[in-house]
Amino acid sequence: MNSPLLQLLIRWLVLAVGVTVATHLIPGIDVQDRTALLVVVLLLSFFNAILKPLLVLFTLPFIVLTMGLGMVVINALLFLLVAKLVDGFYVSSFWSAMGGALIVSLTNFLASALFRRPPGGPKRRGGRERRDDVIDV
């Protein structure tokens, strides 16, 4: 899974699964059709790449004070923003957005744990570790 395009597609797929699960589990979140879901996934990805780092930078004291729980608030606010922008995607309240953000975060966490490579790398014969990044003199 070295291709950046493949990694991006997998992230979008995981995000789409997370939003879909959130629509089924959290009352107050609804998506009308697959087109709206696609737009939601694209906008959430864009906002997570562009807006989220800026929001984290400006709210860093709040995030530190809340021991990281402020990140969930930022995710919920981005969820609400996308709901305001996309026709066919509805989030009824801030608390519904919090639940949706938690579900999407949990889905991303589980997917990253599933696709993570095992620690270590290729081994040479004899049980010694192969290290290509070290220059032997």
N, C-alpha and C. Protein backbone atom coordinates (compact mmCIF):
# COMPACT_ATOMS: atom_id res chain seq x y z
N MET A 1 0.84 -1.18 0.00
CA MET A 1 0.00 0.00 0.00
C MET A 1 0.89 1.25 0.00
N ASN A 2 1.77 1.33 -0.97
CA ASN A 2 2.69 2.45 -1.03
C ASN A 2 2.17 3.59 -1.88
N SER A 3 1.21 3.36 -2.72
CA SER A 3 0.72 4.38 -3.62
C SER A 3 -0.08 5.44 -2.86
N PRO A 4 0.28 6.71 -3.01
CA PRO A 4 -0.48 7.77 -2.32
C PRO A 4 -1.94 7.83 -2.76
N LEU A 5 -2.20 7.54 -4.03
CA LEU A 5 -3.58 7.55 -4.51
C LEU A 5 -4.40 6.45 -3.84
N LEU A 6 -3.81 5.28 -3.71
CA LEU A 6 -4.49 4.17 -3.05
C LEU A 6 -4.74 4.49 -1.57
N GLN A 7 -3.78 5.11 -0.91
CA GLN A 7 -3.95 5.51 0.48
C GLN A 7 -5.08 6.52 0.62
N LEU A 8 -5.15 7.47 -0.29
CA LEU A 8 -6.22 8.48 -0.26
C LEU A 8 -7.58 7.84 -0.47
N LEU A 9 -7.68 6.92 -1.42
CA LEU A 9 -8.94 6.23 -1.67
C LEU A 9 -9.38 5.41 -0.47
N ILE A 10 -8.44 4.76 0.19
CA ILE A 10 -8.77 3.99 1.39
C ILE A 10 -9.23 4.90 2.51
N ARG A 11 -8.58 6.05 2.67
CA ARG A 11 -9.02 7.01 3.70
C ARG A 11 -10.43 7.51 3.42
N TRP A 12 -10.71 7.80 2.15
CA TRP A 12 -12.06 8.24 1.79
C TRP A 12 -13.09 7.14 2.05
N LEU A 13 -12.72 5.91 1.72
CA LEU A 13 -13.63 4.79 1.96
C LEU A 13 -13.90 4.61 3.46
N VAL A 14 -12.87 4.71 4.27
CA VAL A 14 -13.03 4.59 5.72
C VAL A 14 -13.88 5.74 6.26
N LEU A 15 -13.67 6.94 5.76
CA LEU A 15 -14.48 8.08 6.17
C LEU A 15 -15.93 7.89 5.77
N ALA A 16 -16.17 7.36 4.57
CA ALA A 16 -17.54 7.10 4.11
C ALA A 16 -18.20 6.05 4.99
N VAL A 17 -17.46 5.03 5.37
CA VAL A 17 -18.01 4.01 6.27
C VAL A 17 -18.32 4.63 7.63
N GLY A 18 -17.44 5.48 8.13
CA GLY A 18 -17.68 6.14 9.41
C GLY A 18 -18.92 7.02 9.40
N VAL A 19 -19.09 7.79 8.34
CA VAL A 19 -20.27 8.66 8.25
C VAL A 19 -21.54 7.82 8.11
N THR A 20 -21.45 6.74 7.34
CA THR A 20 -22.61 5.86 7.18
C THR A 20 -22.99 5.20 8.50
N VAL A 21 -22.00 4.73 9.24
CA VAL A 21 -22.28 4.13 10.56
C VAL A 21 -22.88 5.18 11.49
N ALA A 22 -22.37 6.40 11.44
CA ALA A 22 -22.90 7.47 12.29
C ALA A 22 -24.35 7.77 11.95
N THR A 23 -24.71 7.72 10.68
CA THR A 23 -26.11 7.97 10.30
C THR A 23 -27.04 6.89 10.82
N HIS A 24 -26.52 5.68 10.96
CA HIS A 24 -27.35 4.58 11.45
C HIS A 24 -27.41 4.53 12.98
N LEU A 25 -26.36 4.97 13.66
CA LEU A 25 -26.30 4.84 15.11
C LEU A 25 -26.74 6.10 15.87
N ILE A 26 -26.50 7.26 15.31
CA ILE A 26 -26.75 8.51 16.03
C ILE A 26 -28.07 9.11 15.54
N PRO A 27 -29.04 9.27 16.44
CA PRO A 27 -30.26 9.95 16.02
C PRO A 27 -29.96 11.42 15.76
N GLY A 28 -30.53 11.94 14.70
CA GLY A 28 -30.30 13.34 14.35
C GLY A 28 -29.31 13.54 13.23
N ILE A 29 -28.71 12.45 12.73
CA ILE A 29 -27.81 12.54 11.57
C ILE A 29 -28.43 11.72 10.45
N ASP A 30 -28.54 12.34 9.28
CA ASP A 30 -29.16 11.66 8.14
C ASP A 30 -28.49 12.11 6.86
N VAL A 31 -28.28 11.16 5.97
CA VAL A 31 -27.78 11.45 4.63
C VAL A 31 -28.78 10.86 3.64
N GLN A 32 -29.16 11.65 2.64
CA GLN A 32 -30.24 11.23 1.75
C GLN A 32 -29.80 10.20 0.71
N ASP A 33 -28.68 10.44 0.07
CA ASP A 33 -28.27 9.53 -1.00
C ASP A 33 -26.75 9.43 -1.06
N ARG A 34 -26.28 8.61 -1.98
CA ARG A 34 -24.84 8.39 -2.10
C ARG A 34 -24.09 9.60 -2.63
N THR A 35 -24.76 10.39 -3.43
CA THR A 35 -24.13 11.61 -3.94
C THR A 35 -23.83 12.57 -2.79
N ALA A 36 -24.80 12.73 -1.90
CA ALA A 36 -24.58 13.59 -0.74
C ALA A 36 -23.47 13.01 0.14
N LEU A 37 -23.44 11.69 0.29
CA LEU A 37 -22.39 11.05 1.08
C LEU A 37 -21.01 11.31 0.46
N LEU A 38 -20.92 11.23 -0.86
CA LEU A 38 -19.65 11.50 -1.54
C LEU A 38 -19.20 12.94 -1.31
N VAL A 39 -20.13 13.89 -1.40
CA VAL A 39 -19.78 15.30 -1.18
C VAL A 39 -19.37 15.51 0.27
N VAL A 40 -20.06 14.85 1.21
CA VAL A 40 -19.71 14.96 2.64
C VAL A 40 -18.29 14.45 2.87
N VAL A 41 -17.96 13.31 2.29
CA VAL A 41 -16.62 12.73 2.46
C VAL A 41 -15.56 13.65 1.88
N LEU A 42 -15.81 14.19 0.69
CA LEU A 42 -14.82 15.09 0.08
C LEU A 42 -14.64 16.37 0.89
N LEU A 43 -15.75 16.95 1.36
CA LEU A 43 -15.64 18.18 2.16
C LEU A 43 -14.99 17.92 3.51
N LEU A 44 -15.36 16.83 4.17
CA LEU A 44 -14.72 16.52 5.46
C LEU A 44 -13.22 16.30 5.29
N SER A 45 -12.84 15.62 4.21
CA SER A 45 -11.41 15.41 3.95
C SER A 45 -10.70 16.74 3.71
N PHE A 46 -11.32 17.59 2.92
CA PHE A 46 -10.73 18.91 2.63
C PHE A 46 -10.62 19.75 3.91
N PHE A 47 -11.69 19.78 4.70
CA PHE A 47 -11.66 20.57 5.93
C PHE A 47 -10.67 20.01 6.94
N ASN A 48 -10.55 18.68 6.99
CA ASN A 48 -9.58 18.08 7.91
C ASN A 48 -8.15 18.39 7.48
N ALA A 49 -7.93 18.56 6.18
CA ALA A 49 -6.59 18.87 5.70
C ALA A 49 -6.25 20.35 5.80
N ILE A 50 -7.25 21.23 5.62
CA ILE A 50 -6.98 22.66 5.56
C ILE A 50 -7.39 23.39 6.84
N LEU A 51 -8.64 23.26 7.23
CA LEU A 51 -9.15 24.02 8.37
C LEU A 51 -8.72 23.47 9.73
N LYS A 52 -8.71 22.15 9.85
CA LYS A 52 -8.42 21.56 11.15
C LYS A 52 -7.06 21.96 11.72
N PRO A 53 -5.98 21.95 10.93
CA PRO A 53 -4.70 22.39 11.51
C PRO A 53 -4.74 23.85 11.99
N LEU A 54 -5.45 24.71 11.27
CA LEU A 54 -5.56 26.10 11.71
C LEU A 54 -6.37 26.22 13.00
N LEU A 55 -7.47 25.47 13.07
CA LEU A 55 -8.28 25.48 14.29
C LEU A 55 -7.50 24.93 15.48
N VAL A 56 -6.73 23.88 15.25
CA VAL A 56 -5.92 23.31 16.33
C VAL A 56 -4.87 24.33 16.79
N LEU A 57 -4.26 25.02 15.86
CA LEU A 57 -3.25 26.02 16.21
C LEU A 57 -3.85 27.12 17.09
N PHE A 58 -5.03 27.63 16.69
CA PHE A 58 -5.63 28.73 17.43
C PHE A 58 -6.26 28.29 18.74
N THR A 59 -6.64 27.03 18.86
CA THR A 59 -7.29 26.57 20.09
C THR A 59 -6.38 25.66 20.91
N LEU A 60 -5.10 25.70 20.67
CA LEU A 60 -4.17 24.82 21.37
C LEU A 60 -4.25 24.93 22.90
N PRO A 61 -4.35 26.13 23.48
CA PRO A 61 -4.49 26.18 24.94
C PRO A 61 -5.75 25.45 25.44
N PHE A 62 -6.86 25.58 24.70
CA PHE A 62 -8.10 24.89 25.06
C PHE A 62 -7.92 23.38 24.96
N ILE A 63 -7.23 22.93 23.92
CA ILE A 63 -7.01 21.49 23.73
C ILE A 63 -6.13 20.94 24.85
N VAL A 64 -5.10 21.68 25.21
CA VAL A 64 -4.23 21.24 26.30
C VAL A 64 -4.99 21.24 27.62
N LEU A 65 -5.77 22.28 27.86
CA LEU A 65 -6.55 22.39 29.10
C LEU A 65 -7.55 21.24 29.23
N THR A 66 -8.15 20.83 28.14
CA THR A 66 -9.14 19.74 28.18
C THR A 66 -8.50 18.37 27.94
N MET A 67 -7.18 18.32 27.94
CA MET A 67 -6.42 17.08 27.75
C MET A 67 -6.81 16.34 26.46
N GLY A 68 -7.00 17.09 25.39
CA GLY A 68 -7.26 16.52 24.08
C GLY A 68 -8.72 16.40 23.71
N LEU A 69 -9.61 16.57 24.67
CA LEU A 69 -11.04 16.46 24.35
C LEU A 69 -11.52 17.61 23.47
N GLY A 70 -10.78 18.69 23.42
CA GLY A 70 -11.11 19.79 22.53
C GLY A 70 -11.05 19.40 21.07
N MET A 71 -10.27 18.36 20.76
CA MET A 71 -10.20 17.87 19.38
C MET A 71 -11.55 17.30 18.94
N VAL A 72 -12.27 16.67 19.85
CA VAL A 72 -13.59 16.15 19.51
C VAL A 72 -14.55 17.30 19.22
N VAL A 73 -14.42 18.38 19.97
CA VAL A 73 -15.25 19.57 19.73
C VAL A 73 -14.95 20.14 18.35
N ILE A 74 -13.68 20.21 17.99
CA ILE A 74 -13.30 20.71 16.65
C ILE A 74 -13.87 19.80 15.57
N ASN A 75 -13.77 18.49 15.77
CA ASN A 75 -14.33 17.56 14.79
C ASN A 75 -15.85 17.72 14.67
N ALA A 76 -16.52 17.94 15.80
CA ALA A 76 -17.97 18.14 15.78
C ALA A 76 -18.33 19.43 15.04
N LEU A 77 -17.56 20.47 15.26
CA LEU A 77 -17.81 21.74 14.56
C LEU A 77 -17.62 21.59 13.05
N LEU A 78 -16.61 20.84 12.64
CA LEU A 78 -16.41 20.58 11.22
C LEU A 78 -17.56 19.74 10.65
N PHE A 79 -18.05 18.80 11.46
CA PHE A 79 -19.19 17.98 11.06
C PHE A 79 -20.42 18.86 10.84
N LEU A 80 -20.65 19.81 11.77
CA LEU A 80 -21.78 20.74 11.64
C LEU A 80 -21.61 21.64 10.42
N LEU A 81 -20.40 22.11 10.18
CA LEU A 81 -20.14 22.97 9.03
C LEU A 81 -20.47 22.25 7.72
N VAL A 82 -20.05 21.00 7.62
CA VAL A 82 -20.34 20.23 6.41
C VAL A 82 -21.85 20.03 6.27
N ALA A 83 -22.54 19.82 7.39
CA ALA A 83 -24.00 19.65 7.33
C ALA A 83 -24.69 20.92 6.84
N LYS A 84 -24.14 22.07 7.19
CA LYS A 84 -24.72 23.33 6.71
C LYS A 84 -24.48 23.55 5.22
N LEU A 85 -23.38 23.00 4.71
CA LEU A 85 -23.00 23.25 3.32
C LEU A 85 -23.57 22.25 2.32
N VAL A 86 -23.88 21.04 2.77
CA VAL A 86 -24.27 19.98 1.84
C VAL A 86 -25.78 19.73 1.95
N ASP A 87 -26.46 19.90 0.82
CA ASP A 87 -27.88 19.52 0.76
C ASP A 87 -27.97 18.00 0.77
N GLY A 88 -28.83 17.47 1.61
CA GLY A 88 -28.99 16.03 1.71
C GLY A 88 -28.25 15.43 2.87
N PHE A 89 -27.53 16.24 3.63
CA PHE A 89 -26.83 15.77 4.84
C PHE A 89 -27.31 16.63 5.99
N TYR A 90 -27.95 16.00 6.96
CA TYR A 90 -28.56 16.75 8.05
C TYR A 90 -27.99 16.32 9.40
N VAL A 91 -27.64 17.30 10.20
CA VAL A 91 -27.24 17.08 11.58
C VAL A 91 -28.10 18.01 12.42
N SER A 92 -28.89 17.43 13.33
CA SER A 92 -29.92 18.21 14.01
C SER A 92 -29.37 19.08 15.14
N SER A 93 -28.29 18.66 15.80
CA SER A 93 -27.80 19.44 16.95
C SER A 93 -26.30 19.26 17.12
N PHE A 94 -25.75 20.06 18.01
CA PHE A 94 -24.33 19.94 18.32
C PHE A 94 -24.02 18.57 18.91
N TRP A 95 -24.92 18.06 19.76
CA TRP A 95 -24.67 16.77 20.40
C TRP A 95 -24.73 15.62 19.40
N SER A 96 -25.57 15.75 18.41
CA SER A 96 -25.57 14.76 17.32
C SER A 96 -24.25 14.82 16.56
N ALA A 97 -23.77 16.03 16.33
CA ALA A 97 -22.48 16.20 15.65
C ALA A 97 -21.34 15.61 16.50
N MET A 98 -21.42 15.78 17.83
CA MET A 98 -20.41 15.18 18.71
C MET A 98 -20.42 13.66 18.59
N GLY A 99 -21.62 13.08 18.59
CA GLY A 99 -21.72 11.62 18.44
C GLY A 99 -21.20 11.17 17.09
N GLY A 100 -21.54 11.90 16.03
CA GLY A 100 -21.05 11.55 14.70
C GLY A 100 -19.54 11.68 14.62
N ALA A 101 -18.99 12.72 15.21
CA ALA A 101 -17.54 12.91 15.19
C ALA A 101 -16.84 11.79 15.96
N LEU A 102 -17.43 11.36 17.07
CA LEU A 102 -16.85 10.25 17.84
C LEU A 102 -16.89 8.95 17.04
N ILE A 103 -18.00 8.70 16.36
CA ILE A 103 -18.12 7.47 15.55
C ILE A 103 -17.10 7.50 14.41
N VAL A 104 -16.97 8.63 13.72
CA VAL A 104 -16.01 8.74 12.61
C VAL A 104 -14.58 8.58 13.14
N SER A 105 -14.28 9.19 14.29
CA SER A 105 -12.94 9.05 14.87
C SER A 105 -12.65 7.60 15.25
N LEU A 106 -13.63 6.93 15.83
CA LEU A 106 -13.46 5.53 16.21
C LEU A 106 -13.26 4.65 14.98
N THR A 107 -14.01 4.92 13.93
CA THR A 107 -13.86 4.16 12.68
C THR A 107 -12.46 4.37 12.09
N ASN A 108 -11.99 5.61 12.09
CA ASN A 108 -10.63 5.89 11.58
C ASN A 108 -9.58 5.20 12.44
N PHE A 109 -9.78 5.20 13.76
CA PHE A 109 -8.82 4.55 14.65
C PHE A 109 -8.77 3.05 14.38
N LEU A 110 -9.94 2.42 14.27
CA LEU A 110 -9.97 0.98 14.01
C LEU A 110 -9.37 0.63 12.66
N ALA A 111 -9.65 1.43 11.65
CA ALA A 111 -9.09 1.17 10.32
C ALA A 111 -7.57 1.36 10.31
N SER A 112 -7.08 2.37 11.01
CA SER A 112 -5.62 2.58 11.04
C SER A 112 -4.94 1.44 11.80
N ALA A 113 -5.60 0.91 12.84
CA ALA A 113 -5.03 -0.23 13.55
C ALA A 113 -5.05 -1.48 12.67
N LEU A 114 -6.07 -1.60 11.83
CA LEU A 114 -6.19 -2.76 10.96
C LEU A 114 -5.16 -2.72 9.83
N PHE A 115 -4.90 -1.54 9.26
CA PHE A 115 -4.00 -1.42 8.12
C PHE A 115 -2.56 -1.11 8.51
N ARG A 116 -2.28 -0.99 9.79
CA ARG A 116 -0.92 -0.67 10.23
C ARG A 116 0.01 -1.85 9.94
N ARG A 117 1.21 -1.52 9.50
CA ARG A 117 2.20 -2.56 9.26
C ARG A 117 2.75 -3.04 10.59
N PRO A 118 3.10 -4.31 10.67
CA PRO A 118 3.68 -4.80 11.93
C PRO A 118 5.04 -4.16 12.17
N PRO A 119 5.41 -3.97 13.44
CA PRO A 119 6.72 -3.36 13.71
C PRO A 119 7.84 -4.26 13.23
N GLY A 120 8.95 -3.63 12.93
CA GLY A 120 10.09 -4.38 12.42
C GLY A 120 10.06 -4.39 10.91
N GLY A 121 11.02 -4.96 10.34
CA GLY A 121 11.09 -5.00 8.88
C GLY A 121 11.55 -6.36 8.43
N PRO A 122 12.05 -6.41 7.23
CA PRO A 122 12.54 -7.70 6.73
C PRO A 122 13.76 -8.15 7.52
N LYS A 123 13.85 -9.43 7.75
CA LYS A 123 14.97 -10.00 8.51
C LYS A 123 15.88 -10.76 7.54
N ARG A 124 17.17 -10.74 7.87
CA ARG A 124 18.11 -11.54 7.09
C ARG A 124 18.20 -12.93 7.69
N ARG A 125 18.86 -13.80 6.95
CA ARG A 125 19.07 -15.15 7.47
C ARG A 125 19.94 -15.05 8.71
N GLY A 126 19.67 -15.93 9.62
CA GLY A 126 20.45 -15.92 10.86
C GLY A 126 19.79 -15.06 11.92
N GLY A 127 18.62 -14.50 11.64
CA GLY A 127 17.89 -13.74 12.65
C GLY A 127 18.33 -12.31 12.83
N ARG A 128 19.33 -11.88 12.05
CA ARG A 128 19.78 -10.50 12.20
C ARG A 128 18.87 -9.58 11.40
N GLU A 129 18.64 -8.40 11.96
CA GLU A 129 17.78 -7.42 11.31
C GLU A 129 18.52 -6.74 10.17
N ARG A 130 17.84 -6.54 9.06
CA ARG A 130 18.42 -5.85 7.92
C ARG A 130 18.13 -4.36 8.04
N ARG A 131 19.19 -3.55 8.01
CA ARG A 131 19.05 -2.11 8.16
C ARG A 131 19.70 -1.44 6.97
N ASP A 132 18.86 -0.99 6.02
CA ASP A 132 19.38 -0.33 4.84
C ASP A 132 19.69 1.14 5.07
N ASP A 133 19.21 1.69 6.19
CA ASP A 133 19.41 3.12 6.44
C ASP A 133 20.69 3.40 7.21
N VAL A 134 21.50 2.38 7.49
CA VAL A 134 22.72 2.56 8.25
C VAL A 134 23.90 2.28 7.32
N ILE A 135 24.90 3.15 7.39
CA ILE A 135 26.12 2.96 6.59
C ILE A 135 27.14 2.27 7.47
N ASP A 136 27.56 1.10 7.06
CA ASP A 136 28.58 0.37 7.81
C ASP A 136 29.95 0.80 7.31
N VAL A 137 30.84 1.05 8.25
CA VAL A 137 32.19 1.47 7.90
C VAL A 137 33.18 0.39 8.24
